[in-house]
Structure formats: structure tokens, C-alpha cells
Amino acid sequence: MVWIGAGIIALGLYGFVATLQPDANFGRILAAYGGVFVAGSLAWGMALDGFKPDRWDIAGALVCLVGVAIIMYAPRDA
């Protein structure tokens, strides 16, 4: 139970600190990081924990990575 509380506090602090970033594009950076984190978490589970993702896990990770590509490489006005 203590770990759950500590995790909630850590995630809350992480989210709060992210709002203090001065870069106007930091939201995009954080969103792209999130997409890579989802796919990386599945890969970690497969490599180190013996997790066997089903087709929906893989499809979800691919959707996240497509989202990252859209965020990072979409043409924008200067």
C-alpha cells in the first residue's frame, strides 16, 4: 500500500514539474515520450519479464508509435 501512495505522489510531482518547462513545445515532447514509453514498456516486459503481448497490445503500441511520428514529423507553420 505504501508503494501505491509513493507512486501516486511521484507521478503527480512529475506531471507538475512538466508544467513548469519554459519550452512552448514541451507538450509535444512529453506526448512523444509517452508514446515511446508505452511501446518500450511492452518490449521491457517481453525481454525481461517473459510477458507475451497479444495482438491488441501490439496494435495499441503501434498506434502510440504512429502518434509519436505524427507529433514529431507533421509539417508546421514557422
C-alpha atoms as a PDB file:
ATOM      1  CA  MET A   1       0.000   0.000   0.000  1.00  0.00           C
ATOM      2  CA  VAL A   2       2.896   2.354   0.743  1.00  0.00           C
ATOM      3  CA  TRP A   3       4.269   1.775  -2.776  1.00  0.00           C
ATOM      4  CA  ILE A   4       0.951   2.773  -4.336  1.00  0.00           C
ATOM      5  CA  GLY A   5       0.916   6.041  -2.401  1.00  0.00           C
ATOM      6  CA  ALA A   6       4.542   6.744  -3.258  1.00  0.00           C
ATOM      7  CA  GLY A   7       3.824   6.025  -6.926  1.00  0.00           C
ATOM      8  CA  ILE A   8       0.852   8.395  -6.965  1.00  0.00           C
ATOM      9  CA  ILE A   9       2.919  11.144  -5.363  1.00  0.00           C
ATOM     10  CA  ALA A  10       5.848  10.587  -7.757  1.00  0.00           C
ATOM     11  CA  LEU A  11       3.605  10.692 -10.830  1.00  0.00           C
ATOM     12  CA  GLY A  12       1.847  13.795  -9.531  1.00  0.00           C
ATOM     13  CA  LEU A  13       5.148  15.578  -8.954  1.00  0.00           C
ATOM     14  CA  TYR A  14       6.401  14.515 -12.382  1.00  0.00           C
ATOM     15  CA  GLY A  15       3.278  15.930 -14.011  1.00  0.00           C
ATOM     16  CA  PHE A  16       3.542  19.164 -12.032  1.00  0.00           C
ATOM     17  CA  VAL A  17       7.215  19.699 -12.862  1.00  0.00           C
ATOM     18  CA  ALA A  18       6.423  19.155 -16.543  1.00  0.00           C
ATOM     19  CA  THR A  19       4.059  22.140 -16.463  1.00  0.00           C
ATOM     20  CA  LEU A  20       6.952  24.390 -15.392  1.00  0.00           C
ATOM     21  CA  GLN A  21       9.016  23.802 -18.539  1.00  0.00           C
ATOM     22  CA  PRO A  22       9.621  27.057 -20.447  1.00  0.00           C
ATOM     23  CA  ASP A  23       9.727  25.484 -23.919  1.00  0.00           C
ATOM     24  CA  ALA A  24       6.452  26.081 -25.779  1.00  0.00           C
ATOM     25  CA  ASN A  25       6.853  22.702 -27.496  1.00  0.00           C
ATOM     26  CA  PHE A  26       7.376  20.744 -24.293  1.00  0.00           C
ATOM     27  CA  GLY A  27       3.849  19.329 -24.507  1.00  0.00           C
ATOM     28  CA  ARG A  28       4.735  17.741 -27.822  1.00  0.00           C
ATOM     29  CA  ILE A  29       7.953  16.359 -26.408  1.00  0.00           C
ATOM     30  CA  LEU A  30       6.131  14.863 -23.431  1.00  0.00           C
ATOM     31  CA  ALA A  31       3.428  13.348 -25.645  1.00  0.00           C
ATOM     32  CA  ALA A  32       6.042  11.776 -27.917  1.00  0.00           C
ATOM     33  CA  TYR A  33       7.885  10.430 -24.880  1.00  0.00           C
ATOM     34  CA  GLY A  34       4.631   8.881 -23.670  1.00  0.00           C
ATOM     35  CA  GLY A  35       4.126   7.010 -26.931  1.00  0.00           C
ATOM     36  CA  VAL A  36       7.653   5.641 -26.877  1.00  0.00           C
ATOM     37  CA  PHE A  37       7.227   4.746 -23.197  1.00  0.00           C
ATOM     38  CA  VAL A  38       4.165   2.593 -23.981  1.00  0.00           C
ATOM     39  CA  ALA A  39       5.994   0.611 -26.660  1.00  0.00           C
ATOM     40  CA  GLY A  40       9.147   0.407 -24.563  1.00  0.00           C
ATOM     41  CA  SER A  41       7.199  -0.913 -21.594  1.00  0.00           C
ATOM     42  CA  LEU A  42       5.838  -3.759 -23.686  1.00  0.00           C
ATOM     43  CA  ALA A  43       9.303  -4.507 -25.036  1.00  0.00           C
ATOM     44  CA  TRP A  44      10.721  -4.495 -21.490  1.00  0.00           C
ATOM     45  CA  GLY A  45       8.029  -6.890 -20.363  1.00  0.00           C
ATOM     46  CA  MET A  46       8.770  -9.214 -23.261  1.00  0.00           C
ATOM     47  CA  ALA A  47      12.552  -9.141 -22.834  1.00  0.00           C
ATOM     48  CA  LEU A  48      12.863  -9.266 -19.059  1.00  0.00           C
ATOM     49  CA  ASP A  49       9.587 -10.479 -17.576  1.00  0.00           C
ATOM     50  CA  GLY A  50       8.511 -13.108 -20.083  1.00  0.00           C
ATOM     51  CA  PHE A  51       5.364 -11.144 -20.983  1.00  0.00           C
ATOM     52  CA  LYS A  52       3.680 -12.305 -24.179  1.00  0.00           C
ATOM     53  CA  PRO A  53       1.671  -9.445 -25.683  1.00  0.00           C
ATOM     54  CA  ASP A  54      -1.459 -10.260 -27.617  1.00  0.00           C
ATOM     55  CA  ARG A  55      -2.399  -8.659 -30.912  1.00  0.00           C
ATOM     56  CA  TRP A  56      -4.237  -5.843 -29.096  1.00  0.00           C
ATOM     57  CA  ASP A  57      -1.168  -4.961 -27.049  1.00  0.00           C
ATOM     58  CA  ILE A  58       0.895  -4.801 -30.221  1.00  0.00           C
ATOM     59  CA  ALA A  59      -1.783  -2.834 -32.094  1.00  0.00           C
ATOM     60  CA  GLY A  60      -2.001  -0.339 -29.228  1.00  0.00           C
ATOM     61  CA  ALA A  61       1.767   0.122 -29.144  1.00  0.00           C
ATOM     62  CA  LEU A  62       1.804   0.663 -32.919  1.00  0.00           C
ATOM     63  CA  VAL A  63      -0.963   3.260 -32.617  1.00  0.00           C
ATOM     64  CA  CYS A  64       1.144   5.040 -29.991  1.00  0.00           C
ATOM     65  CA  LEU A  65       4.214   4.993 -32.231  1.00  0.00           C
ATOM     66  CA  VAL A  66       2.201   6.304 -35.194  1.00  0.00           C
ATOM     67  CA  GLY A  67       1.037   9.094 -32.880  1.00  0.00           C
ATOM     68  CA  VAL A  68       4.648   9.858 -31.998  1.00  0.00           C
ATOM     69  CA  ALA A  69       5.527  10.067 -35.701  1.00  0.00           C
ATOM     70  CA  ILE A  70       2.627  12.435 -36.335  1.00  0.00           C
ATOM     71  CA  ILE A  71       3.608  14.646 -33.400  1.00  0.00           C
ATOM     72  CA  MET A  72       7.278  14.728 -34.340  1.00  0.00           C
ATOM     73  CA  TYR A  73       7.147  14.942 -38.126  1.00  0.00           C
ATOM     74  CA  ALA A  74       3.927  16.782 -39.003  1.00  0.00           C
ATOM     75  CA  PRO A  75       4.587  19.891 -41.085  1.00  0.00           C
ATOM     76  CA  ARG A  76       4.057  23.038 -39.069  1.00  0.00           C
ATOM     77  CA  ASP A  77       3.935  26.693 -39.876  1.00  0.00           C
ATOM     78  CA  ALA A  78       7.012  28.531 -38.705  1.00  0.00           C
END
